[in-house]
Protein backbone atom coordinates (compact mmCIF):
# COMPACT_ATOMS: atom_id res chain seq x y z
CA UNK A 1 -75.52 -39.91 73.42
CA UNK A 2 -77.80 -39.56 70.30
CA UNK A 3 -76.45 -37.55 67.32
CA UNK A 4 -78.72 -35.55 65.13
CA UNK A 5 -76.87 -34.16 61.81
CA UNK A 6 -78.60 -31.05 61.20
CA UNK A 7 -79.58 -30.30 57.26
CA UNK A 8 -79.34 -26.99 57.57
CA UNK A 9 -75.55 -27.60 56.85
CA UNK A 10 -75.84 -30.18 53.83
CA UNK A 11 -75.73 -29.53 50.39
CA UNK A 12 -79.33 -28.43 49.42
CA UNK A 13 -79.22 -29.34 45.66
CA UNK A 14 -78.85 -33.01 46.78
CA UNK A 15 -80.77 -33.36 50.12
CA UNK A 16 -81.72 -36.65 49.67
CA UNK A 17 -78.36 -38.02 49.21
CA UNK A 18 -77.02 -35.90 52.03
CA UNK A 19 -79.44 -38.10 54.27
CA UNK A 20 -78.56 -41.49 52.82
CA UNK A 21 -74.81 -40.20 53.75
CA UNK A 22 -75.62 -39.08 57.40
CA UNK A 23 -77.77 -42.42 57.81
CA UNK A 24 -74.93 -44.70 56.47
CA UNK A 25 -72.51 -42.66 58.86
CA UNK A 26 -74.34 -43.52 61.94
CA UNK A 27 -77.09 -40.85 62.45
CA UNK A 28 -79.70 -41.54 65.56
CA UNK A 29 -82.03 -38.64 63.69
CA UNK A 30 -82.21 -36.31 61.13
CA UNK A 31 -82.47 -32.87 62.15
CA UNK A 32 -84.35 -30.36 59.99
CA UNK A 33 -84.75 -26.81 60.42
CA UNK A 34 -87.76 -25.16 59.44
CA UNK A 35 -87.24 -21.08 58.93
CA UNK A 36 -90.25 -18.86 57.94
CA UNK A 37 -88.04 -15.41 57.34
CA UNK A 38 -90.32 -14.01 60.25
CA UNK A 39 -89.77 -16.07 63.29
CA UNK A 40 -85.90 -16.47 62.02
CA UNK A 41 -84.31 -13.61 59.94
CA UNK A 42 -83.79 -16.92 57.98
CA UNK A 43 -85.57 -18.96 55.37
CA UNK A 44 -85.15 -22.61 54.42
CA UNK A 45 -87.51 -25.05 53.52
CA UNK A 46 -91.12 -26.24 54.43
CA UNK A 47 -93.29 -29.54 54.74
CA UNK A 48 -93.03 -30.13 50.56
CA UNK A 49 -89.15 -30.34 50.87
CA UNK A 50 -89.55 -32.75 53.67
CA UNK A 51 -92.14 -34.89 52.35
CA UNK A 52 -89.83 -35.28 49.45
CA UNK A 53 -86.61 -36.58 51.14
CA UNK A 54 -88.51 -38.83 53.91
CA UNK A 55 -88.24 -41.77 51.30
CA UNK A 56 -84.57 -41.56 52.10
CA UNK A 57 -84.24 -43.01 55.02
CA UNK A 58 -86.07 -45.03 58.31
CA UNK A 59 -83.96 -42.67 60.57
CA UNK A 60 -86.59 -40.45 62.74
CA UNK A 61 -86.99 -37.02 61.15
CA UNK A 62 -86.57 -34.40 64.07
CA UNK A 63 -88.35 -31.55 62.63
CA UNK A 64 -87.38 -28.11 64.75
CA UNK A 65 -90.21 -25.42 63.29
CA UNK A 66 -88.66 -21.60 63.84
CA UNK A 67 -91.84 -20.35 62.15
CA UNK A 68 -94.41 -17.78 63.99
CA UNK A 69 -97.75 -20.22 63.72
CA UNK A 70 -96.54 -23.34 64.09
CA UNK A 71 -100.11 -24.88 64.87
CA UNK A 72 -101.54 -23.47 61.79
CA UNK A 73 -98.82 -25.92 59.86
CA UNK A 74 -98.39 -28.63 62.19
CA UNK A 75 -100.66 -30.77 60.04
CA UNK A 76 -98.14 -30.32 56.94
CA UNK A 77 -95.27 -31.45 58.96
CA UNK A 78 -97.04 -34.54 60.16
CA UNK A 79 -98.31 -35.42 56.62
CA UNK A 80 -94.55 -34.73 55.76
CA UNK A 81 -93.77 -37.72 57.97
CA UNK A 82 -92.16 -35.79 61.23
CA UNK A 83 -91.50 -38.11 63.71
CA UNK A 84 -90.96 -35.41 66.54
CA UNK A 85 -92.00 -31.60 65.95
CA UNK A 86 -90.43 -28.87 68.17
CA UNK A 87 -91.46 -25.56 67.91
CA UNK A 88 -90.60 -22.41 70.25
CA UNK A 89 -92.51 -21.48 73.28
CA UNK A 90 -91.46 -17.88 71.93
CA UNK A 91 -93.87 -18.31 68.82
CA UNK A 92 -97.46 -16.97 68.30
CA UNK A 93 -99.46 -20.06 68.44
CA UNK A 94 -101.29 -21.17 71.56
CA UNK A 95 -98.75 -23.68 73.20
CA UNK A 96 -101.20 -26.00 74.79
CA UNK A 97 -102.93 -26.28 71.62
CA UNK A 98 -99.81 -26.52 69.47
CA UNK A 99 -98.67 -29.62 71.75
CA UNK A 100 -102.47 -31.22 71.54
CA UNK A 101 -102.22 -31.24 68.15
CA UNK A 102 -99.10 -32.64 67.68
CA UNK A 103 -99.68 -35.31 70.04
CA UNK A 104 -103.38 -35.90 68.73
CA UNK A 105 -101.63 -36.70 65.31
CA UNK A 106 -99.30 -39.43 66.92
CA UNK A 107 -96.37 -37.42 66.60
CA UNK A 108 -93.99 -36.83 69.30
CA UNK A 109 -94.11 -33.36 70.42
CA UNK A 110 -91.41 -30.90 71.87
CA UNK A 111 -90.56 -27.19 73.16
CA UNK A 112 -87.52 -24.91 72.23
CA UNK A 113 -86.63 -22.52 73.97
CA UNK A 114 -84.20 -19.35 72.79
CA UNK A 115 -80.96 -18.74 74.84
CA UNK A 116 -82.72 -15.55 76.10
CA UNK A 117 -85.87 -17.66 77.46
CA UNK A 118 -85.53 -19.36 81.22
CA UNK A 119 -85.94 -23.13 81.58
CA UNK A 120 -88.96 -22.21 83.69
CA UNK A 121 -91.07 -21.14 80.46
CA UNK A 122 -91.43 -25.16 79.58
CA UNK A 123 -92.55 -26.23 83.37
CA UNK A 124 -95.81 -26.24 82.76
CA UNK A 125 -95.49 -28.28 79.55
CA UNK A 126 -93.27 -31.31 80.72
CA UNK A 127 -96.35 -33.49 81.44
CA UNK A 128 -97.25 -33.28 77.82
CA UNK A 129 -94.15 -33.11 75.89
CA UNK A 130 -91.38 -35.81 74.94
CA UNK A 131 -88.54 -33.45 74.38
CA UNK A 132 -86.92 -29.91 75.10
CA UNK A 133 -84.49 -28.29 72.86
CA UNK A 134 -82.33 -26.15 74.28
CA UNK A 135 -80.73 -23.58 71.98
CA UNK A 136 -76.64 -23.09 72.40
CA UNK A 137 -76.98 -20.51 69.70
CA UNK A 138 -79.38 -17.30 68.85
CA UNK A 139 -81.40 -19.34 66.21
CA UNK A 140 -81.47 -18.44 62.41
CA UNK A 141 -77.97 -19.63 61.11
CA UNK A 142 -75.81 -22.50 61.14
CA UNK A 143 -71.61 -22.18 62.33
CA UNK A 144 -72.58 -19.96 65.36
CA UNK A 145 -70.27 -19.99 68.26
CA UNK A 146 -71.37 -22.44 71.17
CA UNK A 147 -72.82 -20.57 74.20
CA UNK A 148 -71.91 -23.09 77.35
CA UNK A 149 -74.19 -20.55 79.62
CA UNK A 150 -76.87 -22.17 78.20
CA UNK A 151 -76.40 -25.48 79.84
CA UNK A 152 -77.73 -25.00 83.07
CA UNK A 153 -80.98 -25.01 81.86
CA UNK A 154 -80.55 -28.86 81.19
CA UNK A 155 -80.18 -29.38 85.13
CA UNK A 156 -83.26 -27.09 86.11
CA UNK A 157 -85.30 -28.51 83.44
CA UNK A 158 -84.47 -32.33 84.55
CA UNK A 159 -85.29 -31.24 88.14
CA UNK A 160 -88.76 -30.14 87.70
CA UNK A 161 -89.33 -33.44 85.41
CA UNK A 162 -88.60 -35.19 88.11
CA UNK A 163 -90.46 -33.23 90.32
CA UNK A 164 -93.53 -33.80 88.40
CA UNK A 165 -92.90 -37.56 87.84
CA UNK A 166 -92.45 -37.48 84.22
CA UNK A 167 -89.92 -38.24 81.72
CA UNK A 168 -88.33 -35.68 79.33
CA UNK A 169 -85.53 -36.03 76.31
CA UNK A 170 -83.06 -33.05 76.46
CA UNK A 171 -81.77 -32.26 73.29
CA UNK A 172 -78.83 -29.26 72.42
CA UNK A 173 -78.17 -27.49 69.22
CA UNK A 174 -75.86 -24.87 68.10
CA UNK A 175 -72.14 -24.49 67.97
CA UNK A 176 -71.65 -28.58 69.10
CA UNK A 177 -68.64 -30.17 67.57
CA UNK A 178 -65.90 -32.42 69.46
CA UNK A 179 -64.95 -29.34 71.29
CA UNK A 180 -68.08 -28.60 72.93
CA UNK A 181 -70.09 -32.30 73.10
CA UNK A 182 -68.75 -32.89 76.52
CA UNK A 183 -70.05 -29.95 78.12
CA UNK A 184 -73.47 -31.24 76.94
CA UNK A 185 -73.07 -34.86 78.18
CA UNK A 186 -71.76 -33.50 81.41
CA UNK A 187 -75.11 -31.48 81.48
CA UNK A 188 -77.18 -34.42 80.98
CA UNK A 189 -78.25 -33.58 77.32
CA UNK A 190 -79.33 -36.71 75.58
CA UNK A 191 -79.29 -35.82 71.76
CA UNK A 192 -76.89 -33.32 70.20
CA UNK A 193 -77.33 -31.58 67.09
CA UNK A 194 -74.39 -31.23 64.86
CA UNK A 195 -74.33 -29.37 61.99
CA UNK A 196 -70.93 -28.02 59.92
CA UNK A 197 -69.36 -30.60 63.00
CA UNK A 198 -70.63 -33.72 60.58
CA UNK A 199 -71.36 -32.33 57.10
CA UNK A 200 -68.26 -30.52 56.88
CA UNK A 201 -66.14 -33.84 58.26
CA UNK A 202 -64.06 -35.56 55.72
CA UNK A 203 -65.38 -38.37 57.32
CA UNK A 204 -68.73 -38.06 58.79
CA UNK A 205 -68.64 -41.98 60.17
CA UNK A 206 -65.80 -41.28 61.81
CA UNK A 207 -66.76 -37.51 63.01
CA UNK A 208 -70.01 -39.38 64.57
CA UNK A 209 -68.38 -41.85 66.23
CA UNK A 210 -65.91 -39.24 67.57
CA UNK A 211 -68.43 -37.26 69.17
CA UNK A 212 -70.39 -40.34 70.44
CA UNK A 213 -66.85 -41.69 72.12
CA UNK A 214 -66.32 -38.08 73.67
CA UNK A 215 -69.70 -37.76 75.26
CA UNK A 216 -69.46 -41.40 76.71
CA UNK A 217 -66.05 -40.67 78.60
CA UNK A 218 -67.44 -36.93 79.81
């Protein structure tokens, strides 16, 4: 299992230092949640902030766009240093055009599905994307309770990817901690996003090691 600490739970006043702290703790990715106050009822940060903190680590930046029009802003996040850009199937932009723009810029594209969206919504695009992010909370705010009933989507997506003859990486985000990560591992999730479970830990390195150990023993 790979662990992607969510910067949503970091101290925004020293984000660069927080990234270094997570890098030293063994993070596999940095998960950056971009919210526009329209697609979700919260506002976080945009491409200029991501560009400013890119220099603090070589760990891949996993950028999750919770915005209405990802097509219009894809280039900004590519130029900011994103390695993976995921966006919602529920957003307003044309899905295929947005995927093509991200892929065309040499960045890995992924799709995100909210709790009320069926797994089948991503099936037409599996051949063109690297990742599917399954939300295990309603997107918008950190610290919410884990929704285990979202996990069967993982098996559905993996089965359809196999049917199409493509490989897909599955990520889960929302309420993931030592008490819930084994459920994710059993469901076939490859990357777990963890915010408060890592950032609020007394020892983030120990927290990440524990999450990985728990997932390996699921």
